[in-house]
């Protein structure tokens, strides 16, 4: 049996663009993708901190070092420039893998520059 577990998240990234007339997805700066262990076309959930909306989409690599977080297509209706979001990815794991797994958390500033990368340890505690 495999269980879906939080793999990583980018905490409180700021939306830099919302492009309604696009096929779909979220564009994320490749530096942020690397820090969070995200892959292009990976399934992610995005929670808008301001509105509480939660969407599912996939990742497209954005220009490295640009700080871009762009909601594309229908996702653009879920947030606007300046909104803080939490971008989460999940992975299927066996009960054995779960015992040692620690989700990665990428903290960014208001320009989406990486401030800190941590691992969850216990409820609310970060390493």
C-alpha atoms as a PDB file:
ATOM      1  CA  UNK A   1       0.000   0.000   0.000  1.00  0.00           C
ATOM      2  CA  UNK A   2       1.147   3.538  -0.742  1.00  0.00           C
ATOM      3  CA  UNK A   3      -0.073   6.670   0.996  1.00  0.00           C
ATOM      4  CA  UNK A   4      -0.051  10.191  -0.434  1.00  0.00           C
ATOM      5  CA  UNK A   5       2.223  12.373   1.719  1.00  0.00           C
ATOM      6  CA  UNK A   6       3.382  15.998   1.582  1.00  0.00           C
ATOM      7  CA  UNK A   7       6.673  15.977  -0.333  1.00  0.00           C
ATOM      8  CA  UNK A   8       7.475  19.687  -0.298  1.00  0.00           C
ATOM      9  CA  UNK A   9       6.038  23.164  -0.270  1.00  0.00           C
ATOM     10  CA  UNK A  10       6.941  26.713  -1.147  1.00  0.00           C
ATOM     11  CA  UNK A  11       5.553  28.742   1.738  1.00  0.00           C
ATOM     12  CA  UNK A  12       3.942  32.117   1.073  1.00  0.00           C
ATOM     13  CA  UNK A  13       5.282  32.747  -2.410  1.00  0.00           C
ATOM     14  CA  UNK A  14       3.865  35.894  -3.981  1.00  0.00           C
ATOM     15  CA  UNK A  15       1.959  35.758  -7.259  1.00  0.00           C
ATOM     16  CA  UNK A  16       3.833  37.895  -9.778  1.00  0.00           C
ATOM     17  CA  UNK A  17       1.473  37.378 -12.738  1.00  0.00           C
ATOM     18  CA  UNK A  18      -1.898  35.895 -13.664  1.00  0.00           C
ATOM     19  CA  UNK A  19      -2.311  35.081 -17.372  1.00  0.00           C
ATOM     20  CA  UNK A  20      -5.893  34.052 -18.166  1.00  0.00           C
ATOM     21  CA  UNK A  21      -5.296  33.555 -21.906  1.00  0.00           C
ATOM     22  CA  UNK A  22      -2.898  30.636 -21.519  1.00  0.00           C
ATOM     23  CA  UNK A  23      -3.415  26.887 -21.766  1.00  0.00           C
ATOM     24  CA  UNK A  24      -3.027  26.294 -18.016  1.00  0.00           C
ATOM     25  CA  UNK A  25      -0.620  25.568 -15.143  1.00  0.00           C
ATOM     26  CA  UNK A  26       1.584  27.562 -12.787  1.00  0.00           C
ATOM     27  CA  UNK A  27       4.948  28.946 -13.885  1.00  0.00           C
ATOM     28  CA  UNK A  28       7.558  28.757 -11.097  1.00  0.00           C
ATOM     29  CA  UNK A  29      11.110  30.121 -11.031  1.00  0.00           C
ATOM     30  CA  UNK A  30      13.477  27.162 -11.574  1.00  0.00           C
ATOM     31  CA  UNK A  31      15.499  28.114  -8.482  1.00  0.00           C
ATOM     32  CA  UNK A  32      12.357  27.667  -6.378  1.00  0.00           C
ATOM     33  CA  UNK A  33      11.565  24.407  -8.169  1.00  0.00           C
ATOM     34  CA  UNK A  34      15.030  23.046  -7.396  1.00  0.00           C
ATOM     35  CA  UNK A  35      14.859  24.098  -3.743  1.00  0.00           C
ATOM     36  CA  UNK A  36      11.468  22.388  -3.326  1.00  0.00           C
ATOM     37  CA  UNK A  37      12.398  19.346  -5.395  1.00  0.00           C
ATOM     38  CA  UNK A  38       9.667  20.074  -7.953  1.00  0.00           C
ATOM     39  CA  UNK A  39       9.754  18.731 -11.497  1.00  0.00           C
ATOM     40  CA  UNK A  40       8.343  20.349 -14.609  1.00  0.00           C
ATOM     41  CA  UNK A  41       4.781  19.075 -15.210  1.00  0.00           C
ATOM     42  CA  UNK A  42       4.496  17.818 -11.613  1.00  0.00           C
ATOM     43  CA  UNK A  43       1.037  17.920 -10.020  1.00  0.00           C
ATOM     44  CA  UNK A  44       0.740  20.601  -7.306  1.00  0.00           C
ATOM     45  CA  UNK A  45      -1.913  22.142  -5.071  1.00  0.00           C
ATOM     46  CA  UNK A  46      -1.945  25.920  -4.639  1.00  0.00           C
ATOM     47  CA  UNK A  47      -3.654  27.623  -1.709  1.00  0.00           C
ATOM     48  CA  UNK A  48      -4.293  31.360  -1.865  1.00  0.00           C
ATOM     49  CA  UNK A  49      -3.676  32.729   1.643  1.00  0.00           C
ATOM     50  CA  UNK A  50      -5.880  35.801   1.027  1.00  0.00           C
ATOM     51  CA  UNK A  51      -8.956  34.077  -0.410  1.00  0.00           C
ATOM     52  CA  UNK A  52      -8.601  30.510   0.861  1.00  0.00           C
ATOM     53  CA  UNK A  53      -9.072  29.136  -2.655  1.00  0.00           C
ATOM     54  CA  UNK A  54      -7.347  25.831  -3.373  1.00  0.00           C
ATOM     55  CA  UNK A  55      -6.584  24.620  -6.885  1.00  0.00           C
ATOM     56  CA  UNK A  56      -4.724  21.746  -8.494  1.00  0.00           C
ATOM     57  CA  UNK A  57      -2.536  22.229 -11.533  1.00  0.00           C
ATOM     58  CA  UNK A  58       0.928  21.364 -12.843  1.00  0.00           C
ATOM     59  CA  UNK A  59       4.282  23.141 -12.877  1.00  0.00           C
ATOM     60  CA  UNK A  60       5.977  24.826 -15.829  1.00  0.00           C
ATOM     61  CA  UNK A  61       9.579  25.970 -15.337  1.00  0.00           C
ATOM     62  CA  UNK A  62      10.037  29.721 -15.269  1.00  0.00           C
ATOM     63  CA  UNK A  63      13.177  31.755 -15.795  1.00  0.00           C
ATOM     64  CA  UNK A  64      15.804  30.938 -13.181  1.00  0.00           C
ATOM     65  CA  UNK A  65      16.311  33.778 -10.694  1.00  0.00           C
ATOM     66  CA  UNK A  66      13.245  35.685 -11.904  1.00  0.00           C
ATOM     67  CA  UNK A  67      11.058  35.029  -8.859  1.00  0.00           C
ATOM     68  CA  UNK A  68       8.152  34.291 -11.185  1.00  0.00           C
ATOM     69  CA  UNK A  69       5.001  32.708  -9.791  1.00  0.00           C
ATOM     70  CA  UNK A  70       2.446  32.988 -12.592  1.00  0.00           C
ATOM     71  CA  UNK A  71      -1.032  31.467 -12.516  1.00  0.00           C
ATOM     72  CA  UNK A  72      -1.953  30.486 -16.068  1.00  0.00           C
ATOM     73  CA  UNK A  73      -5.274  29.756 -17.760  1.00  0.00           C
ATOM     74  CA  UNK A  74      -8.195  28.984 -15.456  1.00  0.00           C
ATOM     75  CA  UNK A  75      -5.796  29.078 -12.472  1.00  0.00           C
ATOM     76  CA  UNK A  76      -5.495  32.841 -13.084  1.00  0.00           C
ATOM     77  CA  UNK A  77      -9.024  33.188 -11.652  1.00  0.00           C
ATOM     78  CA  UNK A  78      -7.722  31.900  -8.295  1.00  0.00           C
ATOM     79  CA  UNK A  79      -5.423  34.772  -7.428  1.00  0.00           C
ATOM     80  CA  UNK A  80      -4.002  38.073  -8.465  1.00  0.00           C
ATOM     81  CA  UNK A  81      -0.631  39.742  -8.502  1.00  0.00           C
ATOM     82  CA  UNK A  82       0.562  40.276  -4.931  1.00  0.00           C
ATOM     83  CA  UNK A  83      -1.445  37.458  -3.319  1.00  0.00           C
ATOM     84  CA  UNK A  84       0.557  35.106  -1.076  1.00  0.00           C
ATOM     85  CA  UNK A  85       0.190  31.408  -1.937  1.00  0.00           C
ATOM     86  CA  UNK A  86       1.390  28.078  -0.616  1.00  0.00           C
ATOM     87  CA  UNK A  87       2.427  25.628  -3.339  1.00  0.00           C
ATOM     88  CA  UNK A  88       2.426  21.982  -2.204  1.00  0.00           C
ATOM     89  CA  UNK A  89       3.544  18.753  -3.846  1.00  0.00           C
ATOM     90  CA  UNK A  90       2.817  15.211  -2.726  1.00  0.00           C
ATOM     91  CA  UNK A  91       4.401  11.796  -3.221  1.00  0.00           C
ATOM     92  CA  UNK A  92       3.107   8.237  -2.875  1.00  0.00           C
ATOM     93  CA  UNK A  93       5.076   6.436  -0.155  1.00  0.00           C
ATOM     94  CA  UNK A  94       5.072   3.095   1.534  1.00  0.00           C
ATOM     95  CA  UNK A  95       4.586   2.927   5.318  1.00  0.00           C
ATOM     96  CA  UNK A  96       8.326   2.186   5.594  1.00  0.00           C
ATOM     97  CA  UNK A  97       9.285   5.279   3.575  1.00  0.00           C
ATOM     98  CA  UNK A  98       6.967   7.434   5.692  1.00  0.00           C
ATOM     99  CA  UNK A  99       8.941   6.591   8.844  1.00  0.00           C
ATOM    100  CA  UNK A 100      11.983   8.571   7.656  1.00  0.00           C
ATOM    101  CA  UNK A 101      10.386  11.097   5.306  1.00  0.00           C
ATOM    102  CA  UNK A 102      10.602  14.800   6.186  1.00  0.00           C
ATOM    103  CA  UNK A 103       8.811  17.254   3.882  1.00  0.00           C
ATOM    104  CA  UNK A 104      10.944  20.089   2.533  1.00  0.00           C
ATOM    105  CA  UNK A 105       9.724  23.640   3.188  1.00  0.00           C
ATOM    106  CA  UNK A 106      11.032  26.560   1.116  1.00  0.00           C
ATOM    107  CA  UNK A 107      10.532  29.976   2.708  1.00  0.00           C
ATOM    108  CA  UNK A 108      10.690  33.037   0.462  1.00  0.00           C
ATOM    109  CA  UNK A 109      10.584  36.787   0.931  1.00  0.00           C
ATOM    110  CA  UNK A 110       8.153  39.165  -0.798  1.00  0.00           C
ATOM    111  CA  UNK A 111      10.258  38.990  -4.002  1.00  0.00           C
ATOM    112  CA  UNK A 112      10.201  35.148  -3.997  1.00  0.00           C
ATOM    113  CA  UNK A 113      13.876  34.977  -3.112  1.00  0.00           C
ATOM    114  CA  UNK A 114      14.738  31.923  -1.031  1.00  0.00           C
ATOM    115  CA  UNK A 115      15.276  32.869   2.613  1.00  0.00           C
ATOM    116  CA  UNK A 116      15.469  29.405   4.154  1.00  0.00           C
ATOM    117  CA  UNK A 117      14.941  25.739   3.311  1.00  0.00           C
ATOM    118  CA  UNK A 118      13.871  23.523   6.204  1.00  0.00           C
ATOM    119  CA  UNK A 119      12.449  20.079   6.945  1.00  0.00           C
ATOM    120  CA  UNK A 120       9.360  19.378   9.003  1.00  0.00           C
ATOM    121  CA  UNK A 121      10.078  17.360  12.099  1.00  0.00           C
ATOM    122  CA  UNK A 122       6.957  17.342  14.319  1.00  0.00           C
ATOM    123  CA  UNK A 123       3.690  19.277  14.275  1.00  0.00           C
ATOM    124  CA  UNK A 124       4.636  22.856  13.504  1.00  0.00           C
ATOM    125  CA  UNK A 125       8.345  22.310  14.236  1.00  0.00           C
ATOM    126  CA  UNK A 126      10.978  22.930  11.591  1.00  0.00           C
ATOM    127  CA  UNK A 127      14.588  21.843  11.370  1.00  0.00           C
END
